[in-house]
N, C-alpha and C. Protein backbone atom coordinates (compact mmCIF):
# COMPACT_ATOMS: atom_id res chain seq x y z
N MET A 1 135.85 98.69 126.15
CA MET A 1 135.75 98.73 125.05
C MET A 1 137.17 98.77 123.92
N SER A 2 137.62 98.03 123.24
CA SER A 2 139.03 97.74 122.71
C SER A 2 138.94 99.65 121.97
N SER A 3 140.04 99.73 121.53
CA SER A 3 140.70 101.30 121.12
C SER A 3 140.07 101.56 119.89
N GLY A 4 140.04 100.71 118.81
CA GLY A 4 139.62 100.56 117.62
C GLY A 4 137.85 100.78 117.94
N ARG A 5 137.24 100.37 118.58
CA ARG A 5 135.52 100.72 119.19
C ARG A 5 135.49 101.72 119.77
N LEU A 6 136.46 101.88 120.36
CA LEU A 6 136.18 103.23 121.28
C LEU A 6 136.50 104.99 120.13
N SER A 7 137.36 104.95 119.16
CA SER A 7 137.52 105.61 118.46
C SER A 7 136.35 105.58 117.49
N GLN A 8 135.80 104.73 116.92
CA GLN A 8 134.83 104.24 115.96
C GLN A 8 133.40 105.21 116.88
N PHE A 9 133.52 104.98 117.89
CA PHE A 9 132.19 105.50 119.05
C PHE A 9 132.32 106.94 118.77
N LEU A 10 133.81 107.50 119.19
CA LEU A 10 133.90 108.59 119.09
C LEU A 10 133.89 109.79 117.84
N HIS A 11 133.90 108.95 116.89
CA HIS A 11 133.53 109.53 115.55
C HIS A 11 132.35 109.66 114.79
N ASN A 12 131.59 108.66 115.88
CA ASN A 12 130.06 108.51 115.19
C ASN A 12 129.23 107.87 116.30
N PRO A 13 129.06 108.63 117.69
CA PRO A 13 128.62 108.32 118.64
C PRO A 13 126.89 107.50 118.98
N LEU A 14 126.49 108.08 117.34
CA LEU A 14 125.13 107.64 117.30
C LEU A 14 124.82 107.02 116.51
N LEU A 15 125.90 106.17 116.03
CA LEU A 15 125.75 104.59 115.13
C LEU A 15 125.34 103.70 115.72
N HIS A 16 124.17 102.90 115.64
CA HIS A 16 123.92 101.75 116.55
C HIS A 16 125.14 100.76 116.06
N PRO A 17 125.24 99.83 117.02
CA PRO A 17 126.09 98.88 116.62
C PRO A 17 125.70 97.68 115.75
N SER A 18 124.10 97.79 115.53
CA SER A 18 123.79 96.91 114.21
C SER A 18 124.08 97.10 113.29
N ALA A 19 124.27 98.72 112.68
CA ALA A 19 124.42 99.44 112.03
C ALA A 19 126.29 99.21 111.60
N ARG A 20 126.83 99.08 112.49
CA ARG A 20 128.13 99.10 112.41
C ARG A 20 128.55 97.81 111.81
N ARG A 21 127.87 96.73 112.39
CA ARG A 21 128.04 95.07 111.67
C ARG A 21 127.94 95.27 110.64
N ARG A 22 126.81 95.87 109.78
CA ARG A 22 126.17 95.76 108.68
C ARG A 22 127.07 96.58 107.66
N SER A 23 127.85 97.53 108.34
CA SER A 23 128.75 98.38 107.52
C SER A 23 130.08 97.45 107.19
N GLU A 24 130.36 96.56 108.29
CA GLU A 24 131.61 95.64 108.23
C GLU A 24 131.32 94.62 107.44
N ARG A 25 129.97 94.34 107.37
CA ARG A 25 129.36 93.14 106.38
C ARG A 25 129.45 93.71 104.87
N ASP A 26 129.23 94.83 104.68
CA ASP A 26 129.41 95.29 103.16
C ASP A 26 130.99 95.28 102.65
N SER A 27 131.67 95.17 103.52
CA SER A 27 133.14 94.89 103.29
C SER A 27 133.81 93.16 103.14
N TRP A 28 132.70 92.30 103.32
CA TRP A 28 132.95 90.93 103.33
C TRP A 28 133.01 90.57 101.88
N PRO A 29 133.76 89.47 101.55
CA PRO A 29 133.84 89.38 100.13
C PRO A 29 132.32 88.28 99.69
N GLU A 30 132.11 88.47 98.28
CA GLU A 30 130.94 88.12 97.83
C GLU A 30 131.01 86.91 97.32
N VAL A 31 130.15 85.95 97.34
CA VAL A 31 130.44 84.37 96.84
C VAL A 31 129.19 84.42 95.98
N THR A 32 128.99 83.30 95.01
CA THR A 32 127.55 82.68 94.50
C THR A 32 127.21 81.94 95.79
N ALA A 33 126.08 81.73 95.81
CA ALA A 33 125.45 80.42 96.69
C ALA A 33 124.28 79.91 95.81
N THR A 34 124.02 78.89 96.26
CA THR A 34 123.09 78.01 95.57
C THR A 34 121.82 77.69 96.83
N VAL A 35 120.67 77.67 95.90
CA VAL A 35 119.32 77.44 96.73
C VAL A 35 119.40 76.03 96.98
N ALA A 36 119.59 75.19 98.31
CA ALA A 36 119.55 73.99 98.21
C ALA A 36 118.04 73.38 98.65
N ASP A 37 117.33 74.41 99.17
CA ASP A 37 116.00 74.26 99.24
C ASP A 37 115.15 75.12 99.62
N CYS A 38 113.46 75.31 99.46
CA CYS A 38 112.90 76.35 99.93
C CYS A 38 111.54 75.81 100.46
N LEU A 39 111.39 75.85 101.66
CA LEU A 39 110.01 75.36 102.87
C LEU A 39 109.26 76.24 103.05
N ASN A 40 108.09 75.91 102.22
CA ASN A 40 106.76 76.99 102.75
C ASN A 40 106.37 76.72 103.96
N LEU A 41 106.58 77.91 104.72
CA LEU A 41 106.50 77.88 106.09
C LEU A 41 104.76 78.02 106.50
N SER A 42 104.24 78.91 105.58
CA SER A 42 103.05 79.12 105.70
C SER A 42 102.00 78.06 106.09
N GLY A 43 101.05 78.25 107.07
CA GLY A 43 99.82 77.14 106.96
C GLY A 43 100.28 75.94 107.56
N MET A 44 101.52 75.93 107.97
CA MET A 44 102.50 74.30 108.47
C MET A 44 101.56 74.39 109.78
N TRP A 45 101.18 75.19 110.56
CA TRP A 45 100.48 74.94 111.90
C TRP A 45 99.10 75.26 111.58
N ASP A 46 98.60 76.54 111.02
CA ASP A 46 97.12 76.94 110.41
C ASP A 46 96.80 76.60 109.36
N LYS A 47 96.32 75.74 108.59
CA LYS A 47 95.83 75.14 107.67
C LYS A 47 95.15 76.10 106.98
N ALA A 48 94.25 76.96 107.73
CA ALA A 48 93.63 77.97 106.70
C ALA A 48 93.96 79.31 106.68
N HIS A 49 95.10 79.34 106.79
CA HIS A 49 95.83 80.99 106.98
C HIS A 49 95.39 81.46 105.78
N THR A 50 95.59 82.84 106.29
CA THR A 50 95.19 83.92 104.66
C THR A 50 96.42 84.68 104.64
N ALA A 51 97.23 84.89 105.42
CA ALA A 51 98.69 85.19 105.11
C ALA A 51 99.28 85.04 103.81
N VAL A 52 100.28 86.01 103.62
CA VAL A 52 101.18 85.96 102.19
C VAL A 52 102.15 84.78 102.89
N ASP A 53 102.36 83.85 101.91
CA ASP A 53 103.66 83.12 102.08
C ASP A 53 104.95 83.00 102.50
N LEU A 54 105.23 82.30 103.58
CA LEU A 54 106.61 82.48 104.25
C LEU A 54 107.60 81.37 103.92
N TYR A 55 108.80 81.68 103.51
CA TYR A 55 109.46 80.49 103.42
C TYR A 55 110.68 80.50 103.78
N SER A 56 111.02 79.30 104.08
CA SER A 56 112.19 78.99 104.84
C SER A 56 113.45 78.62 103.81
N VAL A 57 114.40 79.49 103.31
CA VAL A 57 115.46 79.39 102.19
C VAL A 57 116.65 78.72 102.44
N ARG A 58 117.17 77.43 102.48
CA ARG A 58 118.35 77.11 102.79
C ARG A 58 119.15 77.39 101.74
N PHE A 59 120.49 77.55 101.82
CA PHE A 59 121.52 77.45 100.78
C PHE A 59 122.83 77.52 100.95
N THR A 60 123.89 77.04 100.10
CA THR A 60 125.07 76.62 100.19
C THR A 60 126.23 77.28 99.30
N TYR A 61 127.03 77.74 100.21
CA TYR A 61 128.09 78.14 99.29
C TYR A 61 129.53 78.00 99.53
N TRP A 62 130.48 77.97 98.97
CA TRP A 62 131.71 77.28 99.10
C TRP A 62 132.95 78.53 99.42
N VAL A 63 133.88 78.29 100.22
CA VAL A 63 134.83 79.14 100.42
C VAL A 63 136.33 78.41 100.73
N GLU A 64 137.17 78.55 99.68
CA GLU A 64 138.37 77.89 99.76
C GLU A 64 138.41 76.54 99.78
N GLY A 65 137.57 76.06 98.68
CA GLY A 65 137.40 74.39 98.76
C GLY A 65 136.23 73.65 99.97
N ARG A 66 135.88 74.57 100.76
CA ARG A 66 134.74 74.14 101.84
C ARG A 66 133.82 74.50 101.83
N MET A 67 132.49 73.80 101.85
CA MET A 67 131.15 74.16 102.15
C MET A 67 130.14 74.34 102.97
N TYR A 68 129.82 75.87 103.06
CA TYR A 68 129.24 76.10 103.90
C TYR A 68 127.81 76.36 103.72
N THR A 69 126.51 76.52 104.66
CA THR A 69 125.40 76.76 104.53
C THR A 69 124.70 77.98 105.32
N GLY A 70 123.69 78.31 105.11
CA GLY A 70 123.29 79.36 105.73
C GLY A 70 121.46 79.13 105.47
N CYS A 71 121.07 79.92 105.77
CA CYS A 71 119.17 79.74 105.88
C CYS A 71 118.64 81.37 105.98
N PHE A 72 117.74 81.62 105.41
CA PHE A 72 117.00 82.61 105.86
C PHE A 72 115.44 82.82 105.42
N LYS A 73 114.44 83.81 106.10
CA LYS A 73 113.44 83.49 105.78
C LYS A 73 113.07 84.93 104.65
N SER A 74 111.88 84.39 104.00
CA SER A 74 111.44 85.30 102.76
C SER A 74 110.12 85.15 102.24
N ARG A 75 109.66 86.38 101.85
CA ARG A 75 108.41 85.87 101.38
C ARG A 75 108.10 85.74 99.61
N THR A 76 109.40 85.75 99.32
CA THR A 76 109.53 85.17 97.74
C THR A 76 109.89 83.77 97.85
N ARG A 77 109.47 83.16 96.71
CA ARG A 77 109.64 81.63 96.71
C ARG A 77 111.20 81.65 95.76
N TYR A 78 111.84 80.93 96.09
CA TYR A 78 113.05 80.36 95.55
C TYR A 78 113.22 78.84 95.19
N ALA A 79 113.74 78.74 93.39
CA ALA A 79 113.52 77.22 93.17
C ALA A 79 115.00 76.86 93.51
N THR A 80 114.92 75.69 93.89
CA THR A 80 115.87 74.90 94.19
C THR A 80 117.11 74.77 92.96
N GLY A 81 118.51 75.26 93.36
CA GLY A 81 119.61 75.27 92.23
C GLY A 81 119.62 76.82 91.81
N GLU A 82 118.85 77.63 92.17
CA GLU A 82 118.87 79.14 91.92
C GLU A 82 120.02 79.56 92.74
N GLU A 83 120.34 80.53 91.90
CA GLU A 83 121.78 80.89 92.59
C GLU A 83 121.44 82.73 93.01
N LEU A 84 122.49 82.77 94.17
CA LEU A 84 122.14 84.15 95.02
C LEU A 84 123.37 84.76 95.58
N GLN A 85 123.63 86.17 95.36
CA GLN A 85 124.60 86.32 96.31
C GLN A 85 124.93 86.68 97.67
N VAL A 86 126.09 85.90 98.53
CA VAL A 86 126.23 85.90 100.02
C VAL A 86 127.34 86.53 99.92
N ARG A 87 127.44 87.42 101.13
CA ARG A 87 128.51 87.86 101.67
C ARG A 87 129.14 87.06 103.04
N HIS A 88 130.51 86.71 103.21
CA HIS A 88 130.78 86.12 104.19
C HIS A 88 132.22 86.53 104.92
N ASP A 89 131.91 86.44 106.01
CA ASP A 89 133.28 86.72 106.99
C ASP A 89 134.45 86.07 106.28
N PRO A 90 135.64 86.82 105.78
CA PRO A 90 136.78 86.29 105.56
C PRO A 90 137.31 85.63 106.75
N VAL A 91 137.02 85.85 107.80
CA VAL A 91 137.71 85.15 108.93
C VAL A 91 137.02 83.80 109.55
N HIS A 92 135.96 84.10 109.09
CA HIS A 92 134.96 82.86 110.26
C HIS A 92 133.98 82.67 108.75
N PRO A 93 134.44 82.05 107.74
CA PRO A 93 133.44 82.05 106.73
C PRO A 93 132.07 80.85 107.03
N GLU A 94 131.84 80.57 107.88
CA GLU A 94 130.73 79.84 108.22
C GLU A 94 129.91 81.27 108.68
N ARG A 95 130.34 82.33 108.94
CA ARG A 95 129.54 83.42 109.32
C ARG A 95 129.16 84.47 108.13
N ASN A 96 127.39 84.53 107.67
CA ASN A 96 127.47 84.92 106.07
C ASN A 96 126.19 86.02 106.53
N SER A 97 126.24 86.58 105.29
CA SER A 97 125.21 88.03 105.22
C SER A 97 123.57 87.57 106.02
N ALA A 98 123.52 86.44 105.91
CA ALA A 98 122.02 85.63 106.53
C ALA A 98 122.20 85.54 107.98
N ASP A 99 122.97 86.14 108.80
CA ASP A 99 122.88 86.03 110.18
C ASP A 99 121.79 85.63 110.88
N PRO A 100 121.14 85.05 111.69
CA PRO A 100 119.92 85.17 112.34
C PRO A 100 120.00 85.86 113.51
N VAL A 101 120.75 86.72 114.10
CA VAL A 101 120.63 87.75 115.20
C VAL A 101 120.15 88.84 114.47
N GLU A 102 120.87 89.15 113.29
CA GLU A 102 120.24 90.41 112.55
C GLU A 102 118.75 90.14 112.19
N ARG A 103 118.64 89.08 111.69
CA ARG A 103 117.00 88.71 111.32
C ARG A 103 116.32 88.63 112.32
N LEU A 104 116.63 88.41 113.58
CA LEU A 104 116.11 88.33 114.20
C LEU A 104 115.37 89.74 114.95
N ARG A 105 116.37 90.81 115.09
CA ARG A 105 116.11 91.93 115.39
C ARG A 105 115.16 92.83 114.48
N THR A 106 115.36 92.71 113.27
CA THR A 106 114.77 93.45 112.21
C THR A 106 113.31 92.95 112.56
N GLU A 107 112.93 91.48 112.49
CA GLU A 107 111.65 91.01 112.90
C GLU A 107 111.05 91.44 113.69
N LEU A 108 111.64 91.48 114.84
CA LEU A 108 111.45 92.25 116.26
C LEU A 108 110.94 93.46 116.09
N LEU A 109 111.91 94.44 115.26
CA LEU A 109 111.42 95.69 114.97
C LEU A 109 110.11 95.90 113.80
N ILE A 110 110.03 95.00 113.33
CA ILE A 110 108.79 95.31 112.32
C ILE A 110 107.71 94.77 113.28
N ALA A 111 107.37 93.46 113.89
CA ALA A 111 106.43 93.35 114.74
C ALA A 111 105.94 94.41 115.26
N ALA A 112 107.42 95.20 115.93
CA ALA A 112 106.89 96.01 116.96
C ALA A 112 106.13 97.75 116.16
N SER A 113 106.77 97.78 115.01
CA SER A 113 105.61 98.82 114.43
C SER A 113 104.85 98.71 114.11
N VAL A 114 104.24 97.53 113.75
CA VAL A 114 102.83 97.12 113.33
C VAL A 114 101.91 97.17 114.37
N ALA A 115 102.54 96.52 115.52
CA ALA A 115 101.76 96.70 116.99
C ALA A 115 101.43 98.14 117.21
N LEU A 116 102.29 99.09 117.01
CA LEU A 116 102.25 100.47 117.32
C LEU A 116 101.27 101.37 116.68
N VAL A 117 101.26 100.58 115.52
CA VAL A 117 100.15 101.44 114.20
C VAL A 117 99.14 100.64 114.55
N ALA A 118 98.97 99.70 114.76
CA ALA A 118 97.26 99.02 115.13
C ALA A 118 96.76 99.67 116.44
N LEU A 119 97.70 99.87 117.25
CA LEU A 119 97.30 100.40 118.41
C LEU A 119 96.90 101.72 118.44
N TYR A 120 97.88 102.61 117.38
CA TYR A 120 97.22 103.88 117.13
C TYR A 120 95.83 104.21 116.53
N PHE A 121 95.60 103.08 115.67
CA PHE A 121 94.56 102.93 115.08
C PHE A 121 93.25 102.88 115.57
N MET A 122 93.38 102.04 116.70
CA MET A 122 92.77 101.41 117.79
C MET A 122 92.19 102.56 118.59
N VAL A 123 92.92 103.67 119.20
CA VAL A 123 92.80 104.52 119.87
C VAL A 123 92.28 105.69 118.69
N VAL A 124 92.90 106.18 117.90
CA VAL A 124 91.64 106.74 117.17
C VAL A 124 90.24 106.44 116.79
N MET A 125 89.80 105.31 116.27
CA MET A 125 88.81 104.67 116.05
C MET A 125 87.92 104.92 117.29
N ARG A 126 88.50 104.90 118.49
CA ARG A 126 87.40 105.02 119.69
C ARG A 126 86.73 106.26 119.65
């Protein structure tokens, strides 16, 4: 562990690493991104789906004359050409605030929470 990380840990030992990454991202510069496309993923495999729609939103943004892309999933439909704010890593501009590692962790946490609530109700209803 580098001395910077060690001192950060000693000052706040209970702060989860993903929370530290999130706070680092809060200091990243913000740019305006443009929605390139918005694909409806719901019902793609199950035509009789009854769940709320899920969209894959692909966007582009420019940093120092170079174009970068990003993607995230959303329950909200975005129109092609719509603008949104995105933060990017100043050292590695290809990294942005829609990083899939964070999203996957969040999605897994939500799925686990829903499963625990369902399990609770199954136990209580018996």
